[in-house]
Amino acid sequence: MHIGASGGWLGAVITYLVVAAATLIGADPEQVRGGYQVMAMLADAVLLPFAVVSLGTGLICSLGTAWGLLRHYWVLFKLVLNLVATVVLVLYTRSIEYAATVAAQPTWSEADRAALQDPTHLVHATAALIVVLVALVLAVYKPRGVTAYGHRRALRNRAVPSVSA
């Protein structure tokens, strides 16, 4: 479930990035309107659910496996990346919804046009892609290094004598 949600999140980020790029360079007002509507829908119906499910299942997996939540730096770093990305996404959906509302208006003022040409959507999507790819690399390569807690736990497990019959 975690791998599926994380892979879905990656695909949704790539899709959002493509739509954002096409929307920002679009000259046709209908294309811009449609692009912002798609971006808002992707954020609410795809990106946010995948991010939340990835975060939740990642926590469950880390607590239920030998990797643990606080034993290895790579697991802890992935948790922080996922948590920060999800919180930023939740806060950022307001900007996306605002832009979609502005784009849906029949006519645009100069301030509206400036808001619709703001490259923030592209910057956020690119940053999200980098974050999700870094998490993917960490999950595949699992770099060495245990936290102080992980080190103490390993020492404690070695110190416990095994019972032989």
Foldseek 3Di string as FASTA:
>chain_A
DLVVLLVQLLVLLVVLLVLLVCLLPDPDLVSVLVSLVVNLCSLPPGNLVSLVVNLVVLQVVQCPDPVHCQWFPLNVVLNVLSVVLNVVSVVCSVLSVVLSVLSPDPDHDPVNVVSSNDCVSNVNSVVSNVSSVSNVVCVVPVDDDTDPVNVVVVVVVVPDDDDDD
